[in-house]
Amino acid sequence: MTGGGETWARAYHRNTSGRELRAVLTLMGPGGRTVELHCVLAADDEPGSCETPRGASAGGPGAYAAVAEYAGAGPVEEAPLLLRAGSHRAPGASD
């Protein structure tokens, strides 16, 4: 997302699994800059979101990409990856 000269990533979720889940939201920008945020998704049916801190934009929206990964709770090596979703610019979209 961009606005007011700042860029950030946001992922919306709704956890209907009945158990706590984890999410990792990663924002990748120009020059190899990366911000990673870990979120806990409560075991309820309420909508929520996970959002990286906002930072000064270093280029147009096309210079950034974001990935959200959702996994089960527990030790990382035992938690199954449930979903990986990434940003994608439409062909011909302008910055």
PDB file of N, CA and C in Angstrom:
ATOM      1  N   MET A   1       0.843  -1.157   0.000  1.00  0.00           N
ATOM      2  CA  MET A   1       0.000   0.000   0.000  1.00  0.00           C
ATOM      3  C   MET A   1       0.896   1.230   0.000  1.00  0.00           C
ATOM      4  N   THR A   2       0.413   2.309  -0.614  1.00  0.00           N
ATOM      5  CA  THR A   2       1.153   3.560  -0.604  1.00  0.00           C
ATOM      6  C   THR A   2       0.193   4.707  -0.327  1.00  0.00           C
ATOM      7  N   GLY A   3       0.718   5.744   0.282  1.00  0.00           N
ATOM      8  CA  GLY A   3      -0.062   6.948   0.534  1.00  0.00           C
ATOM      9  C   GLY A   3       0.764   7.944   1.307  1.00  0.00           C
ATOM     10  N   GLY A   4       0.623   9.217   0.967  1.00  0.00           N
ATOM     11  CA  GLY A   4       1.324  10.268   1.697  1.00  0.00           C
ATOM     12  C   GLY A   4       2.829  10.108   1.678  1.00  0.00           C
ATOM     13  N   GLY A   5       3.391   9.548   0.602  1.00  0.00           N
ATOM     14  CA  GLY A   5       4.835   9.375   0.521  1.00  0.00           C
ATOM     15  C   GLY A   5       5.361   8.194   1.322  1.00  0.00           C
ATOM     16  N   GLU A   6       4.468   7.335   1.805  1.00  0.00           N
ATOM     17  CA  GLU A   6       4.869   6.168   2.594  1.00  0.00           C
ATOM     18  C   GLU A   6       4.399   4.883   1.911  1.00  0.00           C
ATOM     19  N   THR A   7       5.085   3.784   2.231  1.00  0.00           N
ATOM     20  CA  THR A   7       4.734   2.466   1.719  1.00  0.00           C
ATOM     21  C   THR A   7       4.678   1.491   2.885  1.00  0.00           C
ATOM     22  N   TRP A   8       3.723   0.548   2.836  1.00  0.00           N
ATOM     23  CA  TRP A   8       3.592  -0.477   3.858  1.00  0.00           C
ATOM     24  C   TRP A   8       2.824  -1.654   3.274  1.00  0.00           C
ATOM     25  N   ALA A   9       2.805  -2.767   3.997  1.00  0.00           N
ATOM     26  CA  ALA A   9       2.066  -3.952   3.569  1.00  0.00           C
ATOM     27  C   ALA A   9       0.998  -4.261   4.613  1.00  0.00           C
ATOM     28  N   ARG A  10      -0.123  -4.785   4.135  1.00  0.00           N
ATOM     29  CA  ARG A  10      -1.221  -5.161   5.031  1.00  0.00           C
ATOM     30  C   ARG A  10      -1.854  -6.441   4.499  1.00  0.00           C
ATOM     31  N   ALA A  11      -2.132  -7.363   5.398  1.00  0.00           N
ATOM     32  CA  ALA A  11      -2.827  -8.602   5.038  1.00  0.00           C
ATOM     33  C   ALA A  11      -4.046  -8.735   5.943  1.00  0.00           C
ATOM     34  N   TYR A  12      -5.170  -9.025   5.343  1.00  0.00           N
ATOM     35  CA  TYR A  12      -6.407  -9.246   6.093  1.00  0.00           C
ATOM     36  C   TYR A  12      -6.589 -10.739   6.314  1.00  0.00           C
ATOM     37  N   HIS A  13      -7.209 -11.100   7.428  1.00  0.00           N
ATOM     38  CA  HIS A  13      -7.442 -12.509   7.717  1.00  0.00           C
ATOM     39  C   HIS A  13      -8.740 -12.696   8.511  1.00  0.00           C
ATOM     40  N   ARG A  14      -9.200 -13.915   8.479  1.00  0.00           N
ATOM     41  CA  ARG A  14     -10.334 -14.352   9.293  1.00  0.00           C
ATOM     42  C   ARG A  14     -10.058 -15.815   9.601  1.00  0.00           C
ATOM     43  N   ASN A  15      -9.823 -16.137  10.855  1.00  0.00           N
ATOM     44  CA  ASN A  15      -9.406 -17.470  11.261  1.00  0.00           C
ATOM     45  C   ASN A  15     -10.612 -18.256  11.776  1.00  0.00           C
ATOM     46  N   THR A  16     -11.146 -19.120  10.945  1.00  0.00           N
ATOM     47  CA  THR A  16     -12.289 -19.946  11.340  1.00  0.00           C
ATOM     48  C   THR A  16     -11.871 -21.376  11.665  1.00  0.00           C
ATOM     49  N   SER A  17     -10.568 -21.608  11.837  1.00  0.00           N
ATOM     50  CA  SER A  17     -10.048 -22.958  12.065  1.00  0.00           C
ATOM     51  C   SER A  17     -10.358 -23.490  13.461  1.00  0.00           C
ATOM     52  N   GLY A  18     -10.646 -22.605  14.403  1.00  0.00           N
ATOM     53  CA  GLY A  18     -10.865 -23.033  15.777  1.00  0.00           C
ATOM     54  C   GLY A  18      -9.583 -23.178  16.580  1.00  0.00           C
ATOM     55  N   ARG A  19      -8.458 -22.857  15.979  1.00  0.00           N
ATOM     56  CA  ARG A  19      -7.179 -22.905  16.699  1.00  0.00           C
ATOM     57  C   ARG A  19      -6.330 -21.712  16.281  1.00  0.00           C
ATOM     58  N   GLU A  20      -5.403 -21.350  17.144  1.00  0.00           N
ATOM     59  CA  GLU A  20      -4.525 -20.215  16.866  1.00  0.00           C
ATOM     60  C   GLU A  20      -3.636 -20.519  15.660  1.00  0.00           C
ATOM     61  N   LEU A  21      -3.438 -19.517  14.812  1.00  0.00           N
ATOM     62  CA  LEU A  21      -2.551 -19.627  13.662  1.00  0.00           C
ATOM     63  C   LEU A  21      -1.519 -18.509  13.716  1.00  0.00           C
ATOM     64  N   ARG A  22      -0.482 -18.623  12.886  1.00  0.00           N
ATOM     65  CA  ARG A  22       0.541 -17.592  12.788  1.00  0.00           C
ATOM     66  C   ARG A  22       0.604 -17.076  11.364  1.00  0.00           C
ATOM     67  N   ALA A  23       1.021 -15.834  11.238  1.00  0.00           N
ATOM     68  CA  ALA A  23       1.227 -15.242   9.918  1.00  0.00           C
ATOM     69  C   ALA A  23       2.552 -14.496   9.922  1.00  0.00           C
ATOM     70  N   VAL A  24       3.215 -14.512   8.779  1.00  0.00           N
ATOM     71  CA  VAL A  24       4.428 -13.714   8.568  1.00  0.00           C
ATOM     72  C   VAL A  24       4.149 -12.858   7.343  1.00  0.00           C
ATOM     73  N   LEU A  25       4.248 -11.561   7.515  1.00  0.00           N
ATOM     74  CA  LEU A  25       4.028 -10.606   6.433  1.00  0.00           C
ATOM     75  C   LEU A  25       5.376  -9.984   6.093  1.00  0.00           C
ATOM     76  N   THR A  26       5.782 -10.091   4.834  1.00  0.00           N
ATOM     77  CA  THR A  26       7.081  -9.591   4.391  1.00  0.00           C
ATOM     78  C   THR A  26       6.879  -8.550   3.296  1.00  0.00           C
ATOM     79  N   LEU A  27       7.480  -7.383   3.470  1.00  0.00           N
ATOM     80  CA  LEU A  27       7.469  -6.317   2.475  1.00  0.00           C
ATOM     81  C   LEU A  27       8.889  -6.169   1.944  1.00  0.00           C
ATOM     82  N   MET A  28       9.048  -6.336   0.624  1.00  0.00           N
ATOM     83  CA  MET A  28      10.354  -6.229  -0.015  1.00  0.00           C
ATOM     84  C   MET A  28      10.381  -4.986  -0.885  1.00  0.00           C
ATOM     85  N   GLY A  29      11.416  -4.171  -0.702  1.00  0.00           N
ATOM     86  CA  GLY A  29      11.508  -2.916  -1.431  1.00  0.00           C
ATOM     87  C   GLY A  29      12.797  -2.800  -2.212  1.00  0.00           C
ATOM     88  N   PRO A  30      12.996  -1.649  -2.838  1.00  0.00           N
ATOM     89  CA  PRO A  30      14.206  -1.434  -3.644  1.00  0.00           C
ATOM     90  C   PRO A  30      15.476  -1.513  -2.796  1.00  0.00           C
ATOM     91  N   GLY A  31      16.549  -1.885  -3.456  1.00  0.00           N
ATOM     92  CA  GLY A  31      17.839  -1.936  -2.765  1.00  0.00           C
ATOM     93  C   GLY A  31      17.959  -3.078  -1.772  1.00  0.00           C
ATOM     94  N   GLY A  32      17.112  -4.108  -1.900  1.00  0.00           N
ATOM     95  CA  GLY A  32      17.185  -5.250  -0.993  1.00  0.00           C
ATOM     96  C   GLY A  32      16.605  -4.993   0.387  1.00  0.00           C
ATOM     97  N   ARG A  33      15.902  -3.881   0.540  1.00  0.00           N
ATOM     98  CA  ARG A  33      15.293  -3.585   1.848  1.00  0.00           C
ATOM     99  C   ARG A  33      14.111  -4.519   2.087  1.00  0.00           C
ATOM    100  N   THR A  34      14.029  -5.084   3.299  1.00  0.00           N
ATOM    101  CA  THR A  34      12.959  -6.007   3.651  1.00  0.00           C
ATOM    102  C   THR A  34      12.485  -5.719   5.065  1.00  0.00           C
ATOM    103  N   VAL A  35      11.169  -5.774   5.252  1.00  0.00           N
ATOM    104  CA  VAL A  35      10.566  -5.672   6.582  1.00  0.00           C
ATOM    105  C   VAL A  35       9.732  -6.928   6.772  1.00  0.00           C
ATOM    106  N   GLU A  36       9.902  -7.596   7.921  1.00  0.00           N
ATOM    107  CA  GLU A  36       9.153  -8.819   8.200  1.00  0.00           C
ATOM    108  C   GLU A  36       8.421  -8.650   9.525  1.00  0.00           C
ATOM    109  N   LEU A  37       7.148  -9.012   9.532  1.00  0.00           N
ATOM    110  CA  LEU A  37       6.311  -8.864  10.725  1.00  0.00           C
ATOM    111  C   LEU A  37       5.652 -10.195  11.024  1.00  0.00           C
ATOM    112  N   HIS A  38       5.712 -10.632  12.286  1.00  0.00           N
ATOM    113  CA  HIS A  38       5.075 -11.871  12.726  1.00  0.00           C
ATOM    114  C   HIS A  38       3.790 -11.516  13.481  1.00  0.00           C
ATOM    115  N   CYS A  39       2.693 -12.184  13.132  1.00  0.00           N
ATOM    116  CA  CYS A  39       1.396 -11.924  13.755  1.00  0.00           C
ATOM    117  C   CYS A  39       0.796 -13.232  14.252  1.00  0.00           C
ATOM    118  N   VAL A  40       0.017 -13.148  15.321  1.00  0.00           N
ATOM    119  CA  VAL A  40      -0.740 -14.288  15.829  1.00  0.00           C
ATOM    120  C   VAL A  40      -2.201 -14.053  15.488  1.00  0.00           C
ATOM    121  N   LEU A  41      -2.839 -15.045  14.893  1.00  0.00           N
ATOM    122  CA  LEU A  41      -4.244 -14.958  14.531  1.00  0.00           C
ATOM    123  C   LEU A  41      -5.042 -15.734  15.565  1.00  0.00           C
ATOM    124  N   ALA A  42      -5.820 -15.028  16.363  1.00  0.00           N
ATOM    125  CA  ALA A  42      -6.604 -15.656  17.423  1.00  0.00           C
ATOM    126  C   ALA A  42      -7.590 -16.672  16.843  1.00  0.00           C
ATOM    127  N   ALA A  43      -7.938 -17.655  17.647  1.00  0.00           N
ATOM    128  CA  ALA A  43      -8.861 -18.712  17.220  1.00  0.00           C
ATOM    129  C   ALA A  43     -10.301 -18.236  17.371  1.00  0.00           C
ATOM    130  N   ASP A  44     -10.688 -17.299  16.550  1.00  0.00           N
ATOM    131  CA  ASP A  44     -12.075 -16.829  16.553  1.00  0.00           C
ATOM    132  C   ASP A  44     -12.480 -16.454  15.138  1.00  0.00           C
ATOM    133  N   ASP A  45     -13.706 -16.107  14.951  1.00  0.00           N
ATOM    134  CA  ASP A  45     -14.246 -15.845  13.612  1.00  0.00           C
ATOM    135  C   ASP A  45     -14.254 -14.353  13.273  1.00  0.00           C
ATOM    136  N   GLU A  46     -13.539 -13.551  14.045  1.00  0.00           N
ATOM    137  CA  GLU A  46     -13.536 -12.104  13.818  1.00  0.00           C
ATOM    138  C   GLU A  46     -12.502 -11.723  12.766  1.00  0.00           C
ATOM    139  N   PRO A  47     -12.841 -10.840  11.849  1.00  0.00           N
ATOM    140  CA  PRO A  47     -11.848 -10.392  10.871  1.00  0.00           C
ATOM    141  C   PRO A  47     -10.757  -9.558  11.545  1.00  0.00           C
ATOM    142  N   GLY A  48      -9.562  -9.629  10.989  1.00  0.00           N
ATOM    143  CA  GLY A  48      -8.454  -8.855  11.531  1.00  0.00           C
ATOM    144  C   GLY A  48      -7.462  -8.539  10.428  1.00  0.00           C
ATOM    145  N   SER A  49      -6.394  -7.875  10.806  1.00  0.00           N
ATOM    146  CA  SER A  49      -5.356  -7.552   9.827  1.00  0.00           C
ATOM    147  C   SER A  49      -4.001  -7.539  10.512  1.00  0.00           C
ATOM    148  N   CYS A  50      -2.979  -7.646   9.693  1.00  0.00           N
ATOM    149  CA  CYS A  50      -1.588  -7.599  10.116  1.00  0.00           C
ATOM    150  C   CYS A  50      -0.946  -6.559   9.211  1.00  0.00           C
ATOM    151  N   GLU A  51      -0.183  -5.607   9.778  1.00  0.00           N
ATOM    152  CA  GLU A  51       0.333  -4.505   8.973  1.00  0.00           C
ATOM    153  C   GLU A  51       1.755  -4.182   9.381  1.00  0.00           C
ATOM    154  N   THR A  52       2.640  -4.038   8.376  1.00  0.00           N
ATOM    155  CA  THR A  52       4.016  -3.636   8.651  1.00  0.00           C
ATOM    156  C   THR A  52       4.041  -2.153   9.022  1.00  0.00           C
ATOM    157  N   PRO A  53       5.094  -1.720   9.679  1.00  0.00           N
ATOM    158  CA  PRO A  53       5.244  -0.280   9.915  1.00  0.00           C
ATOM    159  C   PRO A  53       5.348   0.462   8.577  1.00  0.00           C
ATOM    160  N   ARG A  54       4.920   1.691   8.575  1.00  0.00           N
ATOM    161  CA  ARG A  54       5.012   2.528   7.375  1.00  0.00           C
ATOM    162  C   ARG A  54       6.399   3.146   7.303  1.00  0.00           C
ATOM    163  N   GLY A  55       6.892   3.260   6.078  1.00  0.00           N
ATOM    164  CA  GLY A  55       8.207   3.855   5.870  1.00  0.00           C
ATOM    165  C   GLY A  55       8.188   4.751   4.652  1.00  0.00           C
ATOM    166  N   ALA A  56       9.134   5.650   4.578  1.00  0.00           N
ATOM    167  CA  ALA A  56       9.223   6.563   3.436  1.00  0.00           C
ATOM    168  C   ALA A  56       9.393   5.761   2.148  1.00  0.00           C
ATOM    169  N   SER A  57       8.600   6.093   1.146  1.00  0.00           N
ATOM    170  CA  SER A  57       8.662   5.399  -0.147  1.00  0.00           C
ATOM    171  C   SER A  57       9.981   5.696  -0.845  1.00  0.00           C
ATOM    172  N   ALA A  58      10.544   4.658  -1.467  1.00  0.00           N
ATOM    173  CA  ALA A  58      11.788   4.800  -2.220  1.00  0.00           C
ATOM    174  C   ALA A  58      11.543   4.340  -3.647  1.00  0.00           C
ATOM    175  N   GLY A  59      10.531   4.892  -4.256  1.00  0.00           N
ATOM    176  CA  GLY A  59      10.151   4.492  -5.603  1.00  0.00           C
ATOM    177  C   GLY A  59       8.654   4.282  -5.674  1.00  0.00           C
ATOM    178  N   GLY A  60       8.160   4.004  -6.856  1.00  0.00           N
ATOM    179  CA  GLY A  60       6.734   3.790  -7.039  1.00  0.00           C
ATOM    180  C   GLY A  60       6.294   2.430  -6.526  1.00  0.00           C
ATOM    181  N   PRO A  61       4.992   2.173  -6.556  1.00  0.00           N
ATOM    182  CA  PRO A  61       4.465   0.898  -6.057  1.00  0.00           C
ATOM    183  C   PRO A  61       5.081  -0.318  -6.746  1.00  0.00           C
ATOM    184  N   GLY A  62       5.466  -0.185  -8.015  1.00  0.00           N
ATOM    185  CA  GLY A  62       6.063  -1.294  -8.732  1.00  0.00           C
ATOM    186  C   GLY A  62       7.419  -1.720  -8.202  1.00  0.00           C
ATOM    187  N   ALA A  63       8.036  -0.899  -7.363  1.00  0.00           N
ATOM    188  CA  ALA A  63       9.342  -1.219  -6.791  1.00  0.00           C
ATOM    189  C   ALA A  63       9.222  -2.115  -5.559  1.00  0.00           C
ATOM    190  N   TYR A  64       7.993  -2.417  -5.134  1.00  0.00           N
ATOM    191  CA  TYR A  64       7.746  -3.175  -3.916  1.00  0.00           C
ATOM    192  C   TYR A  64       6.983  -4.454  -4.213  1.00  0.00           C
ATOM    193  N   ALA A  65       7.142  -5.436  -3.339  1.00  0.00           N
ATOM    194  CA  ALA A  65       6.370  -6.672  -3.381  1.00  0.00           C
ATOM    195  C   ALA A  65       6.105  -7.082  -1.943  1.00  0.00           C
ATOM    196  N   ALA A  66       5.003  -7.790  -1.726  1.00  0.00           N
ATOM    197  CA  ALA A  66       4.672  -8.266  -0.386  1.00  0.00           C
ATOM    198  C   ALA A  66       4.234  -9.721  -0.474  1.00  0.00           C
ATOM    199  N   VAL A  67       4.533 -10.474   0.596  1.00  0.00           N
ATOM    200  CA  VAL A  67       4.132 -11.868   0.702  1.00  0.00           C
ATOM    201  C   VAL A  67       3.587 -12.090   2.105  1.00  0.00           C
ATOM    202  N   ALA A  68       2.435 -12.767   2.192  1.00  0.00           N
ATOM    203  CA  ALA A  68       1.858 -13.158   3.475  1.00  0.00           C
ATOM    204  C   ALA A  68       1.852 -14.680   3.522  1.00  0.00           C
ATOM    205  N   GLU A  69       2.376 -15.252   4.603  1.00  0.00           N
ATOM    206  CA  GLU A  69       2.398 -16.702   4.793  1.00  0.00           C
ATOM    207  C   GLU A  69       1.656 -17.032   6.083  1.00  0.00           C
ATOM    208  N   TYR A  70       0.732 -17.969   5.984  1.00  0.00           N
ATOM    209  CA  TYR A  70      -0.070 -18.382   7.128  1.00  0.00           C
ATOM    210  C   TYR A  70       0.250 -19.827   7.462  1.00  0.00           C
ATOM    211  N   ALA A  71       0.482 -20.100   8.755  1.00  0.00           N
ATOM    212  CA  ALA A  71       0.875 -21.443   9.180  1.00  0.00           C
ATOM    213  C   ALA A  71       0.194 -21.782  10.500  1.00  0.00           C
ATOM    214  N   GLY A  72       0.202 -23.080  10.816  1.00  0.00           N
ATOM    215  CA  GLY A  72      -0.320 -23.522  12.093  1.00  0.00           C
ATOM    216  C   GLY A  72       0.574 -23.057  13.226  1.00  0.00           C
ATOM    217  N   ALA A  73       0.058 -23.125  14.438  1.00  0.00           N
ATOM    218  CA  ALA A  73       0.829 -22.734  15.621  1.00  0.00           C
ATOM    219  C   ALA A  73       1.771 -23.873  16.010  1.00  0.00           C
ATOM    220  N   GLY A  74       2.676 -23.598  16.920  1.00  0.00           N
ATOM    221  CA  GLY A  74       3.626 -24.591  17.380  1.00  0.00           C
ATOM    222  C   GLY A  74       5.006 -24.310  16.834  1.00  0.00           C
ATOM    223  N   PRO A  75       5.932 -25.241  17.092  1.00  0.00           N
ATOM    224  CA  PRO A  75       7.297 -25.053  16.586  1.00  0.00           C
ATOM    225  C   PRO A  75       7.303 -24.913  15.070  1.00  0.00           C
ATOM    226  N   VAL A  76       8.119 -24.009  14.567  1.00  0.00           N
ATOM    227  CA  VAL A  76       8.154 -23.705  13.135  1.00  0.00           C
ATOM    228  C   VAL A  76       8.380 -24.962  12.300  1.00  0.00           C
ATOM    229  N   GLU A  77       9.288 -25.842  12.737  1.00  0.00           N
ATOM    230  CA  GLU A  77       9.582 -27.036  11.952  1.00  0.00           C
ATOM    231  C   GLU A  77       8.425 -28.045  11.926  1.00  0.00           C
ATOM    232  N   GLU A  78       7.445 -27.892  12.824  1.00  0.00           N
ATOM    233  CA  GLU A  78       6.300 -28.807  12.868  1.00  0.00           C
ATOM    234  C   GLU A  78       5.015 -28.176  12.333  1.00  0.00           C
ATOM    235  N   ALA A  79       4.978 -26.864  12.207  1.00  0.00           N
ATOM    236  CA  ALA A  79       3.755 -26.169  11.804  1.00  0.00           C
ATOM    237  C   ALA A  79       3.578 -26.229  10.291  1.00  0.00           C
ATOM    238  N   PRO A  80       2.449 -26.712   9.826  1.00  0.00           N
ATOM    239  CA  PRO A  80       2.259 -26.779   8.372  1.00  0.00           C
ATOM    240  C   PRO A  80       1.994 -25.397   7.771  1.00  0.00           C
ATOM    241  N   LEU A  81       2.563 -25.137   6.584  1.00  0.00           N
ATOM    242  CA  LEU A  81       2.265 -23.921   5.837  1.00  0.00           C
ATOM    243  C   LEU A  81       0.883 -24.105   5.231  1.00  0.00           C
ATOM    244  N   LEU A  82      -0.037 -23.209   5.543  1.00  0.00           N
ATOM    245  CA  LEU A  82      -1.407 -23.332   5.079  1.00  0.00           C
ATOM    246  C   LEU A  82      -1.688 -22.516   3.831  1.00  0.00           C
ATOM    247  N   LEU A  83      -1.042 -21.345   3.736  1.00  0.00           N
ATOM    248  CA  LEU A  83      -1.301 -20.461   2.603  1.00  0.00           C
ATOM    249  C   LEU A  83      -0.139 -19.506   2.418  1.00  0.00           C
ATOM    250  N   ARG A  84       0.233 -19.273   1.170  1.00  0.00           N
ATOM    251  CA  ARG A  84       1.225 -18.244   0.838  1.00  0.00           C
ATOM    252  C   ARG A  84       0.584 -17.395  -0.256  1.00  0.00           C
ATOM    253  N   ALA A  85       0.493 -16.096  -0.021  1.00  0.00           N
ATOM    254  CA  ALA A  85      -0.103 -15.186  -0.999  1.00  0.00           C
ATOM    255  C   ALA A  85       0.837 -14.014  -1.204  1.00  0.00           C
ATOM    256  N   GLY A  86       0.972 -13.597  -2.460  1.00  0.00           N
ATOM    257  CA  GLY A  86       1.877 -12.498  -2.770  1.00  0.00           C
ATOM    258  C   GLY A  86       1.208 -11.433  -3.603  1.00  0.00           C
ATOM    259  N   SER A  87       1.795 -10.255  -3.574  1.00  0.00           N
ATOM    260  CA  SER A  87       1.287  -9.152  -4.376  1.00  0.00           C
ATOM    261  C   SER A  87       1.639  -9.386  -5.836  1.00  0.00           C
ATOM    262  N   HIS A  88       0.851  -8.830  -6.695  1.00  0.00           N
ATOM    263  CA  HIS A  88       1.091  -8.973  -8.133  1.00  0.00           C
ATOM    264  C   HIS A  88       0.497  -7.757  -8.836  1.00  0.00           C
ATOM    265  N   ARG A  89       1.306  -7.085  -9.603  1.00  0.00           N
ATOM    266  CA  ARG A  89       0.829  -5.909 -10.342  1.00  0.00           C
ATOM    267  C   ARG A  89       0.196  -6.371 -11.650  1.00  0.00           C
ATOM    268  N   ALA A  90      -0.925  -5.805 -11.956  1.00  0.00           N
ATOM    269  CA  ALA A  90      -1.601  -6.134 -13.211  1.00  0.00           C
ATOM    270  C   ALA A  90      -0.751  -5.683 -14.393  1.00  0.00           C
ATOM    271  N   PRO A  91      -0.761  -6.466 -15.479  1.00  0.00           N
ATOM    272  CA  PRO A  91      -0.010  -6.047 -16.672  1.00  0.00           C
ATOM    273  C   PRO A  91      -0.445  -4.662 -17.128  1.00  0.00           C
ATOM    274  N   GLY A  92       0.509  -3.800 -17.411  1.00  0.00           N
ATOM    275  CA  GLY A  92       0.201  -2.453 -17.873  1.00  0.00           C
ATOM    276  C   GLY A  92      -0.135  -1.465 -16.772  1.00  0.00           C
ATOM    277  N   ALA A  93      -0.131  -1.898 -15.491  1.00  0.00           N
ATOM    278  CA  ALA A  93      -0.421  -0.976 -14.389  1.00  0.00           C
ATOM    279  C   ALA A  93       0.701   0.039 -14.278  1.00  0.00           C
ATOM    280  N   SER A  94       0.356   1.271 -13.983  1.00  0.00           N
ATOM    281  CA  SER A  94       1.386   2.313 -13.846  1.00  0.00           C
ATOM    282  C   SER A  94       1.704   2.537 -12.378  1.00  0.00           C
ATOM    283  N   ASP A  95       2.903   3.060 -12.117  1.00  0.00           N
ATOM    284  CA  ASP A  95       3.321   3.369 -10.736  1.00  0.00           C
ATOM    285  C   ASP A  95       2.679   4.637 -10.258  1.00  0.00           C
TER     286      ASP A  95
END
